[in-house]
């Protein structure tokens, strides 16, 4: 008997579900840059060390990538095809 009332009640609420709307959205994260890290004032030495290492690693990665492109005679890179929101390629 209770199941019957729950089913009828749920069916009565179904039309309201069709009128849902997005009320607000989250802002995307801002990039973590040296300038943004100095907004708060003093930057710790270990953070400075980390940022310098990160820059060095980025340059090393770029150099290795360019050397690999040259080795395989690739002149330009390309982007992957766009994906839908579930990750499947269109």
N, C-alpha and C. Protein backbone atom coordinates (compact mmCIF):
# COMPACT_ATOMS: atom_id res chain seq x y z
N UNK A 1 0.82 -1.19 0.00
CA UNK A 1 0.00 0.00 0.00
C UNK A 1 0.87 1.25 0.00
N UNK A 2 1.94 1.24 0.82
CA UNK A 2 2.83 2.38 0.90
C UNK A 2 3.54 2.59 -0.44
N UNK A 3 3.91 1.49 -1.10
CA UNK A 3 4.59 1.57 -2.40
C UNK A 3 3.71 2.28 -3.42
N UNK A 4 2.41 2.01 -3.35
CA UNK A 4 1.47 2.62 -4.28
C UNK A 4 1.46 4.14 -4.11
N UNK A 5 1.45 4.61 -2.87
CA UNK A 5 1.44 6.04 -2.61
C UNK A 5 2.76 6.70 -3.01
N UNK A 6 3.85 6.00 -2.76
CA UNK A 6 5.15 6.54 -3.16
C UNK A 6 5.26 6.65 -4.67
N UNK A 7 4.77 5.65 -5.37
CA UNK A 7 4.81 5.66 -6.84
C UNK A 7 3.96 6.80 -7.40
N UNK A 8 2.79 6.99 -6.85
CA UNK A 8 1.91 8.07 -7.30
C UNK A 8 2.54 9.42 -6.98
N UNK A 9 3.14 9.56 -5.80
CA UNK A 9 3.79 10.81 -5.42
C UNK A 9 4.97 11.12 -6.32
N UNK A 10 5.78 10.11 -6.62
CA UNK A 10 6.94 10.31 -7.49
C UNK A 10 6.50 10.68 -8.90
N UNK A 11 5.45 10.05 -9.39
CA UNK A 11 4.94 10.36 -10.72
C UNK A 11 4.40 11.78 -10.77
N UNK A 12 3.85 12.25 -9.67
CA UNK A 12 3.33 13.61 -9.63
C UNK A 12 4.42 14.67 -9.65
N UNK A 13 5.62 14.32 -9.21
CA UNK A 13 6.73 15.27 -9.19
C UNK A 13 7.54 15.26 -10.48
N UNK A 14 7.30 14.31 -11.34
CA UNK A 14 8.08 14.17 -12.58
C UNK A 14 8.07 15.44 -13.45
N UNK A 15 6.95 16.13 -13.64
CA UNK A 15 6.98 17.32 -14.49
C UNK A 15 7.92 18.40 -13.99
N UNK A 16 8.15 18.51 -12.69
CA UNK A 16 9.03 19.53 -12.15
C UNK A 16 10.49 19.27 -12.50
N UNK A 17 10.85 18.02 -12.67
CA UNK A 17 12.23 17.67 -13.00
C UNK A 17 12.61 18.16 -14.40
N UNK A 18 11.66 18.32 -15.27
CA UNK A 18 11.92 18.74 -16.65
C UNK A 18 12.27 20.23 -16.73
N UNK A 19 12.03 21.00 -15.69
CA UNK A 19 12.27 22.43 -15.74
C UNK A 19 13.50 22.86 -14.95
N UNK A 20 14.45 21.96 -14.78
CA UNK A 20 15.67 22.28 -14.05
C UNK A 20 16.52 23.25 -14.87
N UNK A 21 17.27 24.09 -14.21
CA UNK A 21 18.13 25.06 -14.88
C UNK A 21 19.44 25.20 -14.12
N UNK A 22 20.45 25.66 -14.80
CA UNK A 22 21.73 25.91 -14.16
C UNK A 22 21.64 27.27 -13.48
N UNK A 23 21.86 27.29 -12.18
CA UNK A 23 21.73 28.51 -11.41
C UNK A 23 23.04 29.29 -11.42
N UNK A 24 24.15 28.60 -11.30
CA UNK A 24 25.45 29.27 -11.27
C UNK A 24 26.52 28.32 -11.76
N UNK A 25 27.69 28.84 -12.00
CA UNK A 25 28.80 28.00 -12.44
C UNK A 25 30.04 28.34 -11.62
N UNK A 26 30.96 27.40 -11.60
CA UNK A 26 32.23 27.64 -10.93
C UNK A 26 33.19 28.32 -11.89
N UNK A 27 33.97 29.22 -11.37
CA UNK A 27 34.98 29.86 -12.21
C UNK A 27 36.12 28.89 -12.43
N UNK A 28 36.72 28.88 -13.62
CA UNK A 28 37.87 28.01 -13.83
C UNK A 28 39.05 28.46 -12.97
N UNK A 29 39.90 27.51 -12.64
CA UNK A 29 41.07 27.83 -11.82
C UNK A 29 42.01 28.76 -12.58
N UNK A 30 42.54 29.74 -11.88
CA UNK A 30 43.51 30.64 -12.51
C UNK A 30 44.85 29.93 -12.60
N UNK A 31 45.64 30.20 -13.64
CA UNK A 31 46.94 29.55 -13.74
C UNK A 31 47.87 29.94 -12.60
N UNK A 32 48.69 29.00 -12.17
CA UNK A 32 49.63 29.25 -11.09
C UNK A 32 50.91 29.82 -11.69
N UNK A 33 51.08 31.12 -11.60
CA UNK A 33 52.23 31.80 -12.19
C UNK A 33 53.08 32.43 -11.10
N UNK A 34 54.28 32.82 -11.45
CA UNK A 34 55.16 33.49 -10.48
C UNK A 34 54.51 34.79 -9.98
N UNK A 35 53.88 35.52 -10.88
CA UNK A 35 53.25 36.78 -10.51
C UNK A 35 52.11 36.55 -9.50
N UNK A 36 51.34 35.52 -9.75
CA UNK A 36 50.22 35.23 -8.85
C UNK A 36 50.71 34.80 -7.48
N UNK A 37 51.84 34.09 -7.44
CA UNK A 37 52.37 33.63 -6.16
C UNK A 37 52.94 34.78 -5.34
N UNK A 38 53.31 35.87 -5.97
CA UNK A 38 53.84 37.01 -5.22
C UNK A 38 52.75 37.96 -4.76
N UNK A 39 51.51 37.72 -5.14
CA UNK A 39 50.40 38.58 -4.72
C UNK A 39 50.28 38.64 -3.20
N UNK A 40 50.59 37.54 -2.53
CA UNK A 40 50.45 37.48 -1.08
C UNK A 40 51.61 38.06 -0.31
N UNK A 41 52.64 38.51 -0.98
CA UNK A 41 53.79 39.08 -0.27
C UNK A 41 55.05 38.27 -0.51
N UNK A 42 55.69 37.84 0.58
CA UNK A 42 56.98 37.15 0.51
C UNK A 42 56.78 35.70 0.05
N UNK A 43 57.69 35.25 -0.82
CA UNK A 43 57.64 33.89 -1.33
C UNK A 43 58.73 33.08 -0.64
N UNK A 44 58.40 31.90 -0.06
CA UNK A 44 59.43 31.10 0.61
C UNK A 44 60.51 30.62 -0.35
N UNK A 45 61.71 30.41 0.19
CA UNK A 45 62.85 29.98 -0.62
C UNK A 45 62.59 28.63 -1.28
N UNK A 46 61.90 27.73 -0.58
CA UNK A 46 61.64 26.40 -1.17
C UNK A 46 60.68 26.50 -2.35
N UNK A 47 59.77 27.46 -2.31
CA UNK A 47 58.88 27.65 -3.45
C UNK A 47 59.66 28.22 -4.63
N UNK A 48 60.56 29.13 -4.36
CA UNK A 48 61.41 29.69 -5.42
C UNK A 48 62.25 28.58 -6.05
N UNK A 49 62.79 27.70 -5.21
CA UNK A 49 63.58 26.56 -5.71
C UNK A 49 62.72 25.66 -6.59
N UNK A 50 61.50 25.39 -6.14
CA UNK A 50 60.58 24.55 -6.91
C UNK A 50 60.27 25.18 -8.27
N UNK A 51 59.98 26.49 -8.28
CA UNK A 51 59.66 27.17 -9.54
C UNK A 51 60.84 27.17 -10.50
N UNK A 52 62.04 27.38 -9.98
CA UNK A 52 63.24 27.34 -10.84
C UNK A 52 63.43 25.95 -11.42
N UNK A 53 63.26 24.91 -10.59
CA UNK A 53 63.39 23.54 -11.07
C UNK A 53 62.33 23.25 -12.13
N UNK A 54 61.13 23.73 -11.90
CA UNK A 54 60.03 23.53 -12.86
C UNK A 54 60.37 24.17 -14.21
N UNK A 55 60.91 25.38 -14.19
CA UNK A 55 61.32 26.05 -15.43
C UNK A 55 62.41 25.27 -16.15
N UNK A 56 63.40 24.80 -15.39
CA UNK A 56 64.49 24.02 -15.98
C UNK A 56 63.95 22.73 -16.62
N UNK A 57 63.04 22.08 -15.93
CA UNK A 57 62.45 20.84 -16.44
C UNK A 57 61.65 21.10 -17.71
N UNK A 58 60.91 22.20 -17.74
CA UNK A 58 60.12 22.54 -18.92
C UNK A 58 61.04 22.75 -20.12
N UNK A 59 62.13 23.49 -19.93
CA UNK A 59 63.07 23.74 -21.02
C UNK A 59 63.73 22.43 -21.48
N UNK A 60 64.08 21.55 -20.55
CA UNK A 60 64.67 20.26 -20.91
C UNK A 60 63.66 19.42 -21.70
N UNK A 61 62.41 19.42 -21.27
CA UNK A 61 61.37 18.67 -21.98
C UNK A 61 61.17 19.20 -23.40
N UNK A 62 61.16 20.52 -23.54
CA UNK A 62 61.00 21.12 -24.86
C UNK A 62 62.17 20.76 -25.77
N UNK A 63 63.38 20.81 -25.23
CA UNK A 63 64.56 20.48 -26.03
C UNK A 63 64.52 19.01 -26.47
N UNK A 64 64.13 18.11 -25.56
CA UNK A 64 64.03 16.70 -25.91
C UNK A 64 62.95 16.47 -26.96
N UNK A 65 61.83 17.17 -26.83
CA UNK A 65 60.74 17.04 -27.80
C UNK A 65 61.18 17.53 -29.17
N UNK A 66 61.86 18.66 -29.22
CA UNK A 66 62.33 19.19 -30.51
C UNK A 66 63.37 18.26 -31.14
N UNK A 67 64.24 17.67 -30.32
CA UNK A 67 65.24 16.74 -30.84
C UNK A 67 64.56 15.49 -31.40
N UNK A 68 63.53 15.02 -30.73
CA UNK A 68 62.79 13.86 -31.22
C UNK A 68 62.06 14.18 -32.53
N UNK A 69 61.50 15.38 -32.61
CA UNK A 69 60.85 15.78 -33.86
C UNK A 69 61.86 15.82 -35.00
N UNK A 70 63.03 16.37 -34.73
CA UNK A 70 64.07 16.46 -35.75
C UNK A 70 64.54 15.06 -36.17
N UNK A 71 64.70 14.17 -35.20
CA UNK A 71 65.15 12.80 -35.47
C UNK A 71 64.16 12.08 -36.39
N UNK A 72 62.87 12.31 -36.20
CA UNK A 72 61.85 11.64 -37.00
C UNK A 72 61.37 12.48 -38.18
N UNK A 73 62.06 13.59 -38.43
CA UNK A 73 61.76 14.50 -39.54
C UNK A 73 60.31 15.01 -39.52
N UNK A 74 59.85 15.35 -38.33
CA UNK A 74 58.52 15.94 -38.17
C UNK A 74 58.70 17.45 -38.13
N UNK A 75 58.00 18.15 -39.01
CA UNK A 75 58.16 19.60 -39.09
C UNK A 75 57.17 20.38 -38.24
N UNK A 76 56.00 19.81 -38.00
CA UNK A 76 54.98 20.52 -37.21
C UNK A 76 54.16 19.52 -36.42
N UNK A 77 53.67 19.96 -35.29
CA UNK A 77 52.80 19.10 -34.49
C UNK A 77 51.36 19.36 -34.85
N UNK A 78 50.49 18.46 -34.44
CA UNK A 78 49.06 18.65 -34.69
C UNK A 78 48.30 18.40 -33.39
N UNK A 79 47.09 18.86 -33.35
CA UNK A 79 46.25 18.67 -32.18
C UNK A 79 45.37 17.44 -32.38
N UNK A 80 45.00 16.78 -31.29
CA UNK A 80 44.09 15.63 -31.44
C UNK A 80 42.71 16.13 -31.85
N UNK A 81 41.89 15.25 -32.39
CA UNK A 81 40.54 15.67 -32.75
C UNK A 81 39.75 16.04 -31.51
N UNK A 82 38.75 16.88 -31.64
CA UNK A 82 37.97 17.29 -30.47
C UNK A 82 37.21 16.10 -29.89
N UNK A 83 37.03 16.09 -28.60
CA UNK A 83 36.28 15.03 -27.93
C UNK A 83 34.98 15.60 -27.41
N UNK A 84 33.99 14.73 -27.30
CA UNK A 84 32.74 15.19 -26.69
C UNK A 84 32.95 15.22 -25.17
N UNK A 85 31.96 15.58 -24.43
CA UNK A 85 32.14 15.76 -23.00
C UNK A 85 32.35 14.46 -22.23
N UNK A 86 32.16 13.33 -22.90
CA UNK A 86 32.40 12.03 -22.25
C UNK A 86 33.76 11.46 -22.63
N UNK A 87 34.55 12.20 -23.42
CA UNK A 87 35.88 11.76 -23.77
C UNK A 87 35.96 10.99 -25.07
N UNK A 88 34.83 10.75 -25.73
CA UNK A 88 34.85 10.01 -26.99
C UNK A 88 35.17 10.98 -28.13
N UNK A 89 36.01 10.54 -29.03
CA UNK A 89 36.35 11.39 -30.17
C UNK A 89 35.21 11.41 -31.16
N UNK A 90 34.96 12.58 -31.70
CA UNK A 90 33.85 12.73 -32.65
C UNK A 90 34.26 12.28 -34.03
